[in-house]
Amino acid sequence: CYVTDNETLLYSPSKKIFTVDTVPCCGDMIGETACKRLRKKNEFKFQNKCENEADFSLVQCCQTCGGDTAPLRHKKLFNEGSLSKHCFDRHSPKFCEKFLLHKDHWATSTWSCSGEYAHIAFRICRKTCSFCRRDAYDNKDGSVYKAKRCGALTPTKIRYFDDENNLEDYFISSNNFKSSSMPCCLETIGKNSCEEMLRTKPYIFEEKCEKDPDFAIIQCCHTCQTNVKEYGLKIFKKGKKSKECFDRHEKKFCLQFLYRLGAWSGMKNNEMSCEGDSFPLAFRICRKTCGFCDRRLYLNNNISDYCKEREKLKHF
């Protein structure tokens, strides 16, 4: 919302704030050759994906599915508008609001909710960007708007996401997707287990609290009495060059996790991402890629809303 002259104006995403078309551009973003190969391999399965999977139909293989029929497919997929099962954001409301309004990391970015950038906007913040509107393709004169081809990113540049460089080229800056908060102070193995270990193996317990970030922050944080801010500043003293700054999976895996691609593409809101509900998982599997080694998170004592909610529940 905005505040002007002591009045609070509620902000509601609408077509008015955009200077260009808000329907998704229609291209084959995984590559025309790849889309045609998929269609040739199993035409029935391909057509089924065109009819029932929004990302595939309107972004990944839009032209091969049929550029002229994109408006009809969109209307079918989003027949219920914002209530459609296909209408969701893959990131938090706060993240998508910043993307929509060009705040923070997005302030100097060319990416926006404009349809010409659908290869990113539709995938990460489609609900906030108003791509779920049933009448998105309807012109005022009653005619149907014809989706344009995507010009901001060519199929030859995307290829098939065969390596991590394709992913990094695709999104330009990974900083927009990294965690903006410290990991939460949790006891994922259970308070009783932590206290039992402290009682029966005090020396081992203290050593793990001192030297094992997973244990000290994620598994037994409260029993270890870990101050996440101070601990983070200590173990990530050298930033990305710190001994404890690493990913437990290969770079391609973690980039897909960061950008919500591949196996992670079906997740909604903060499910399985570098922010929000999956902080414990993110810190364990891809802490370097997710940005948890950035000392600024700890210097600024950035605590997520999710962590604050967890703390509140702990006291009930």
Protein backbone atom coordinates (compact mmCIF):
# COMPACT_ATOMS: atom_id res chain seq x y z
CA CYS A 1 0.00 0.00 0.00
CA TYR A 2 1.00 3.65 -0.34
CA VAL A 3 0.64 6.46 2.24
CA THR A 4 -0.05 9.99 0.97
CA ASP A 5 -1.21 12.96 3.08
CA ASN A 6 -2.08 10.67 5.98
CA GLU A 7 -4.26 8.53 3.72
CA THR A 8 -3.47 4.88 3.11
CA LEU A 9 -4.18 3.74 -0.44
CA LEU A 10 -4.46 0.01 -0.87
CA TYR A 11 -2.49 -1.19 -3.84
CA SER A 12 -4.14 -3.62 -6.21
CA PRO A 13 -2.28 -5.00 -9.26
CA SER A 14 -4.03 -3.96 -12.45
CA LYS A 15 -3.34 -3.42 -16.10
CA LYS A 16 -3.10 0.33 -15.56
CA ILE A 17 0.37 0.28 -14.04
CA PHE A 18 1.98 -1.34 -17.08
CA THR A 19 3.05 0.54 -20.17
CA VAL A 20 3.00 -2.53 -22.41
CA ASP A 21 0.88 -5.63 -22.91
CA THR A 22 0.23 -7.80 -19.88
CA VAL A 23 -0.63 -11.06 -21.61
CA PRO A 24 2.29 -13.51 -21.69
CA CYS A 25 4.38 -13.37 -24.83
CA CYS A 26 4.13 -16.63 -26.77
CA GLY A 27 7.38 -18.42 -27.53
CA ASP A 28 9.09 -21.79 -27.17
CA MET A 29 11.31 -20.89 -24.26
CA ILE A 30 12.93 -24.32 -23.91
CA GLY A 31 13.73 -24.15 -27.61
CA GLU A 32 11.68 -24.75 -30.75
CA THR A 33 13.66 -27.89 -31.58
CA ALA A 34 13.13 -29.30 -28.08
CA CYS A 35 9.37 -28.64 -28.24
CA LYS A 36 9.01 -30.26 -31.66
CA ARG A 37 11.05 -33.21 -30.49
CA LEU A 38 8.71 -33.68 -27.51
CA ARG A 39 5.67 -33.48 -29.78
CA LYS A 40 7.11 -36.00 -32.22
CA LYS A 41 8.03 -38.43 -29.44
CA ASN A 42 4.52 -38.57 -27.95
CA GLU A 43 1.96 -36.30 -29.60
CA PHE A 44 -0.88 -37.28 -27.24
CA LYS A 45 1.17 -36.53 -24.12
CA PHE A 46 2.44 -33.30 -25.65
CA GLN A 47 -1.08 -32.11 -26.46
CA ASN A 48 -2.24 -33.02 -22.97
CA LYS A 49 0.50 -30.83 -21.48
CA CYS A 50 -0.51 -28.01 -23.84
CA GLU A 51 -4.09 -28.23 -22.61
CA ASN A 52 -3.47 -28.72 -18.90
CA GLU A 53 -0.11 -27.29 -17.81
CA ALA A 54 0.03 -23.49 -17.74
CA ASP A 55 3.83 -23.11 -17.79
CA PHE A 56 4.24 -25.58 -20.63
CA SER A 57 1.28 -24.26 -22.63
CA LEU A 58 1.89 -20.53 -22.36
CA VAL A 59 5.65 -20.19 -21.82
CA GLN A 60 7.78 -23.27 -22.45
CA CYS A 61 6.26 -24.52 -25.73
CA CYS A 62 3.62 -21.89 -26.51
CA GLN A 63 4.30 -21.60 -30.25
CA THR A 64 4.51 -25.34 -30.86
CA CYS A 65 1.31 -25.81 -28.84
CA GLY A 66 -0.21 -23.23 -31.20
CA GLY A 67 0.44 -19.50 -31.11
CA ASP A 68 -2.98 -18.66 -32.55
CA THR A 69 -4.80 -20.76 -29.95
CA ALA A 70 -2.88 -19.36 -26.95
CA PRO A 71 -5.80 -17.05 -25.98
CA LEU A 72 -8.20 -20.01 -25.88
CA ARG A 73 -5.80 -22.11 -23.83
CA HIS A 74 -5.27 -19.24 -21.41
CA LYS A 75 -9.02 -18.73 -20.98
CA LYS A 76 -9.49 -22.44 -20.30
CA LEU A 77 -6.62 -22.65 -17.81
CA PHE A 78 -7.72 -19.49 -15.99
CA ASN A 79 -11.46 -19.84 -16.41
CA GLU A 80 -11.87 -19.20 -12.67
CA GLY A 81 -9.50 -16.23 -12.65
CA SER A 82 -7.56 -15.84 -9.43
CA LEU A 83 -9.34 -18.90 -8.01
CA SER A 84 -7.90 -21.17 -10.69
CA LYS A 85 -5.53 -23.90 -9.47
CA HIS A 86 -3.02 -22.52 -11.97
CA CYS A 87 -3.08 -19.06 -10.39
CA PHE A 88 -0.30 -18.73 -7.85
CA ASP A 89 3.05 -17.10 -7.18
CA ARG A 90 6.15 -19.24 -6.74
CA HIS A 91 7.57 -16.73 -4.29
CA SER A 92 6.30 -14.88 -1.25
CA PRO A 93 3.89 -11.90 -1.49
CA LYS A 94 6.70 -9.61 -0.31
CA PHE A 95 9.07 -10.89 -3.01
CA CYS A 96 6.46 -10.48 -5.76
CA GLU A 97 5.43 -7.03 -4.58
CA LYS A 98 9.05 -5.92 -4.92
CA PHE A 99 9.20 -7.46 -8.40
CA LEU A 100 5.96 -5.75 -9.42
CA LEU A 101 6.91 -2.32 -8.07
CA HIS A 102 10.61 -2.49 -9.03
CA LYS A 103 11.91 -2.24 -5.48
CA ASP A 104 15.24 -3.30 -3.94
CA HIS A 105 17.10 -5.71 -6.24
CA TRP A 106 14.59 -5.11 -9.04
CA ALA A 107 14.96 -1.29 -8.99
CA THR A 108 17.62 -1.29 -11.70
CA SER A 109 16.41 -4.41 -13.50
CA THR A 110 14.69 -4.47 -16.89
CA TRP A 111 12.52 -7.39 -15.77
CA SER A 112 8.90 -6.52 -15.01
CA CYS A 113 5.34 -7.85 -15.04
CA SER A 114 5.08 -6.92 -18.69
CA GLY A 115 4.04 -9.78 -20.94
CA GLU A 116 7.22 -9.47 -22.98
CA TYR A 117 9.08 -10.81 -19.94
CA ALA A 118 6.65 -13.68 -19.35
CA HIS A 119 9.47 -16.20 -19.43
CA ILE A 120 10.29 -14.97 -15.93
CA ALA A 121 7.24 -12.97 -14.71
CA PHE A 122 4.66 -15.66 -15.49
CA ARG A 123 6.77 -18.32 -13.82
CA ILE A 124 7.66 -16.55 -10.59
CA CYS A 125 4.83 -14.08 -9.82
CA ARG A 126 1.93 -14.77 -12.18
CA LYS A 127 -0.81 -14.00 -9.65
CA THR A 128 0.69 -10.71 -8.50
CA CYS A 129 1.41 -9.75 -12.12
CA SER A 130 -2.29 -10.24 -13.03
CA PHE A 131 -1.66 -13.01 -15.55
CA CYS A 132 -4.64 -14.95 -14.13
CA ARG A 133 -7.27 -12.59 -15.53
CA ARG A 134 -9.79 -14.58 -17.58
CA ASP A 135 -10.29 -11.59 -19.89
CA ALA A 136 -6.57 -10.97 -20.39
CA TYR A 137 -6.81 -11.44 -24.17
CA ASP A 138 -10.08 -9.55 -24.64
CA ASN A 139 -9.81 -6.19 -26.41
CA LYS A 140 -12.30 -3.39 -25.75
CA ASP A 141 -13.74 -3.74 -29.25
CA GLY A 142 -14.62 -7.36 -28.60
CA SER A 143 -11.76 -8.81 -30.62
CA VAL A 144 -9.15 -11.21 -29.24
CA TYR A 145 -5.65 -9.94 -28.63
CA LYS A 146 -3.01 -11.93 -30.48
CA ALA A 147 -0.04 -12.80 -28.29
CA LYS A 148 3.32 -11.59 -29.54
CA ARG A 149 6.38 -13.74 -29.81
CA CYS A 150 8.86 -13.39 -26.96
CA GLY A 151 11.69 -11.16 -28.09
CA ALA A 152 13.57 -10.56 -24.85
CA LEU A 153 15.13 -14.02 -24.79
CA THR A 154 15.77 -16.24 -27.80
CA PRO A 155 15.31 -20.03 -27.79
CA THR A 156 18.92 -20.49 -28.88
CA LYS A 157 20.10 -18.76 -25.73
CA ILE A 158 18.06 -20.98 -23.43
CA ARG A 159 18.72 -24.25 -25.20
CA TYR A 160 17.80 -27.04 -22.82
CA PHE A 161 19.28 -25.80 -19.51
CA ASP A 162 22.09 -28.29 -20.04
CA ASP A 163 24.43 -26.51 -17.66
CA GLU A 164 24.40 -23.93 -14.92
CA ASN A 165 25.52 -21.13 -17.25
CA ASN A 166 22.21 -21.36 -19.11
CA LEU A 167 20.38 -20.84 -15.84
CA GLU A 168 22.49 -17.87 -14.83
CA ASP A 169 22.10 -16.24 -18.26
CA TYR A 170 18.35 -16.80 -18.06
CA PHE A 171 17.82 -14.81 -14.89
CA ILE A 172 20.79 -12.43 -15.14
CA SER A 173 21.18 -11.92 -11.38
CA SER A 174 20.73 -14.64 -8.81
CA ASN A 175 20.71 -12.00 -6.05
CA ASN A 176 17.00 -11.43 -6.67
CA PHE A 177 16.25 -14.99 -5.57
CA LYS A 178 18.64 -15.49 -2.67
CA SER A 179 17.56 -15.42 0.94
CA SER A 180 17.07 -11.96 2.38
CA SER A 181 17.09 -13.29 5.95
CA MET A 182 19.22 -15.30 8.36
CA PRO A 183 18.28 -18.97 8.90
CA CYS A 184 15.78 -19.55 11.71
CA CYS A 185 16.86 -20.78 15.15
CA LEU A 186 15.27 -24.25 15.22
CA GLU A 187 15.38 -27.63 16.96
CA THR A 188 14.46 -29.90 14.06
CA ILE A 189 15.57 -33.11 15.78
CA GLY A 190 13.35 -32.29 18.75
CA LYS A 191 13.90 -30.53 22.06
CA ASN A 192 13.95 -33.79 24.01
CA SER A 193 16.62 -35.29 21.75
CA CYS A 194 18.80 -32.19 22.08
CA GLU A 195 18.48 -32.11 25.87
CA GLU A 196 19.14 -35.86 26.10
CA MET A 197 22.35 -35.48 24.11
CA LEU A 198 23.43 -32.53 26.26
CA ARG A 199 22.84 -34.63 29.39
CA THR A 200 24.51 -37.85 28.24
CA LYS A 201 27.26 -36.52 25.94
CA PRO A 202 27.96 -32.96 27.10
CA TYR A 203 31.43 -32.64 25.56
CA ILE A 204 30.35 -33.88 22.13
CA PHE A 205 27.25 -31.70 22.34
CA GLU A 206 29.22 -28.54 23.15
CA GLU A 207 31.69 -29.27 20.36
CA LYS A 208 28.89 -29.66 17.81
CA CYS A 209 27.28 -26.43 19.03
CA GLU A 210 30.62 -24.70 18.52
CA LYS A 211 31.72 -26.15 15.18
CA ASP A 212 28.70 -27.58 13.33
CA PRO A 213 26.43 -24.85 11.83
CA ASP A 214 23.67 -27.33 10.96
CA PHE A 215 23.58 -28.56 14.53
CA ALA A 216 24.01 -25.14 16.16
CA ILE A 217 21.40 -23.30 14.07
CA ILE A 218 18.99 -25.85 12.63
CA GLN A 219 18.99 -29.00 14.76
CA CYS A 220 19.53 -27.87 18.39
CA CYS A 221 19.64 -24.08 18.29
CA HIS A 222 17.78 -23.31 21.53
CA THR A 223 19.51 -25.99 23.58
CA CYS A 224 22.86 -24.80 22.21
CA GLN A 225 21.74 -21.27 23.13
CA THR A 226 22.94 -20.11 19.73
CA ASN A 227 22.80 -16.43 18.91
CA VAL A 228 22.29 -16.78 15.14
CA LYS A 229 23.53 -13.27 14.39
CA GLU A 230 26.81 -13.65 16.29
CA TYR A 231 27.31 -17.25 15.16
CA GLY A 232 26.74 -16.33 11.51
CA LEU A 233 29.22 -13.46 11.68
CA LYS A 234 31.79 -15.84 13.17
CA ILE A 235 31.47 -18.83 10.84
CA PHE A 236 31.00 -16.72 7.70
CA LYS A 237 33.75 -14.26 8.58
CA LYS A 238 35.26 -14.69 5.10
CA GLY A 239 31.93 -14.76 3.29
CA LYS A 240 31.83 -17.24 0.41
CA LYS A 241 35.43 -18.25 1.15
CA SER A 242 34.54 -19.43 4.65
CA LYS A 243 35.11 -23.10 5.46
CA GLU A 244 31.44 -23.63 6.33
CA CYS A 245 30.15 -21.95 3.16
CA PHE A 246 29.30 -24.77 0.76
CA ASP A 247 26.48 -26.59 -1.01
CA ARG A 248 25.82 -30.27 -0.42
CA HIS A 249 24.67 -30.70 -4.02
CA GLU A 250 26.16 -29.84 -7.39
CA LYS A 251 25.81 -26.33 -8.76
CA LYS A 252 23.13 -27.18 -11.33
CA PHE A 253 20.92 -28.75 -8.64
CA CYS A 254 21.21 -25.72 -6.37
CA LEU A 255 20.63 -23.23 -9.18
CA GLN A 256 17.44 -25.07 -10.08
CA PHE A 257 16.44 -24.96 -6.41
CA LEU A 258 17.23 -21.23 -6.27
CA TYR A 259 15.30 -20.37 -9.43
CA ARG A 260 12.45 -22.88 -8.83
CA LEU A 261 13.09 -24.83 -12.03
CA GLY A 262 12.98 -28.51 -12.89
CA ALA A 263 11.71 -30.62 -9.99
CA TRP A 264 11.10 -27.44 -7.97
CA SER A 265 8.96 -25.66 -10.58
CA GLY A 266 5.62 -26.91 -9.24
CA MET A 267 6.11 -25.39 -5.79
CA LYS A 268 3.94 -22.47 -4.69
CA ASN A 269 4.75 -19.44 -2.55
CA ASN A 270 7.68 -20.31 -0.26
CA GLU A 271 7.53 -24.09 -0.62
CA MET A 272 11.02 -25.43 -1.25
CA SER A 273 12.87 -22.18 -1.86
CA CYS A 274 15.72 -20.12 -0.46
CA GLU A 275 13.24 -18.00 1.47
CA GLY A 276 10.46 -18.66 3.93
CA ASP A 277 9.13 -22.05 4.92
CA SER A 278 12.04 -24.15 3.71
CA PHE A 279 14.90 -22.28 5.41
CA PRO A 280 16.06 -25.44 7.27
CA LEU A 281 16.23 -27.44 4.04
CA ALA A 282 17.77 -24.59 2.06
CA PHE A 283 20.50 -24.00 4.65
CA ARG A 284 21.40 -27.69 4.69
CA ILE A 285 21.44 -28.47 0.97
CA CYS A 286 22.32 -25.22 -0.84
CA ARG A 287 23.48 -22.66 1.73
CA LYS A 288 26.11 -21.08 -0.52
CA THR A 289 23.84 -20.71 -3.56
CA CYS A 290 20.98 -19.46 -1.39
CA GLY A 291 23.16 -16.67 -0.01
CA PHE A 292 23.33 -17.70 3.64
CA CYS A 293 27.07 -16.94 3.69
CA ASP A 294 26.44 -13.25 3.10
CA ARG A 295 27.57 -11.49 6.30
CA ARG A 296 25.16 -8.62 5.64
CA LEU A 297 22.26 -10.87 6.67
CA TYR A 298 23.82 -11.20 10.11
CA LEU A 299 25.19 -7.67 10.42
CA ASN A 300 21.71 -6.28 9.76
CA ASN A 301 20.09 -8.96 11.95
CA ASN A 302 17.63 -9.77 9.15
CA ILE A 303 14.93 -12.03 10.61
CA SER A 304 12.20 -13.38 8.33
CA ASP A 305 8.48 -13.24 9.09
CA TYR A 306 8.53 -17.05 9.01
CA CYS A 307 11.12 -17.18 11.81
CA LYS A 308 9.13 -14.67 13.86
CA GLU A 309 6.00 -16.79 13.49
CA ARG A 310 7.91 -19.89 14.56
CA GLU A 311 9.07 -18.07 17.69
CA LYS A 312 5.50 -17.02 18.52
CA LEU A 313 4.21 -20.59 18.16
CA LYS A 314 6.99 -21.84 20.45
CA HIS A 315 5.54 -19.80 23.31
CA PHE A 316 1.96 -21.11 22.99
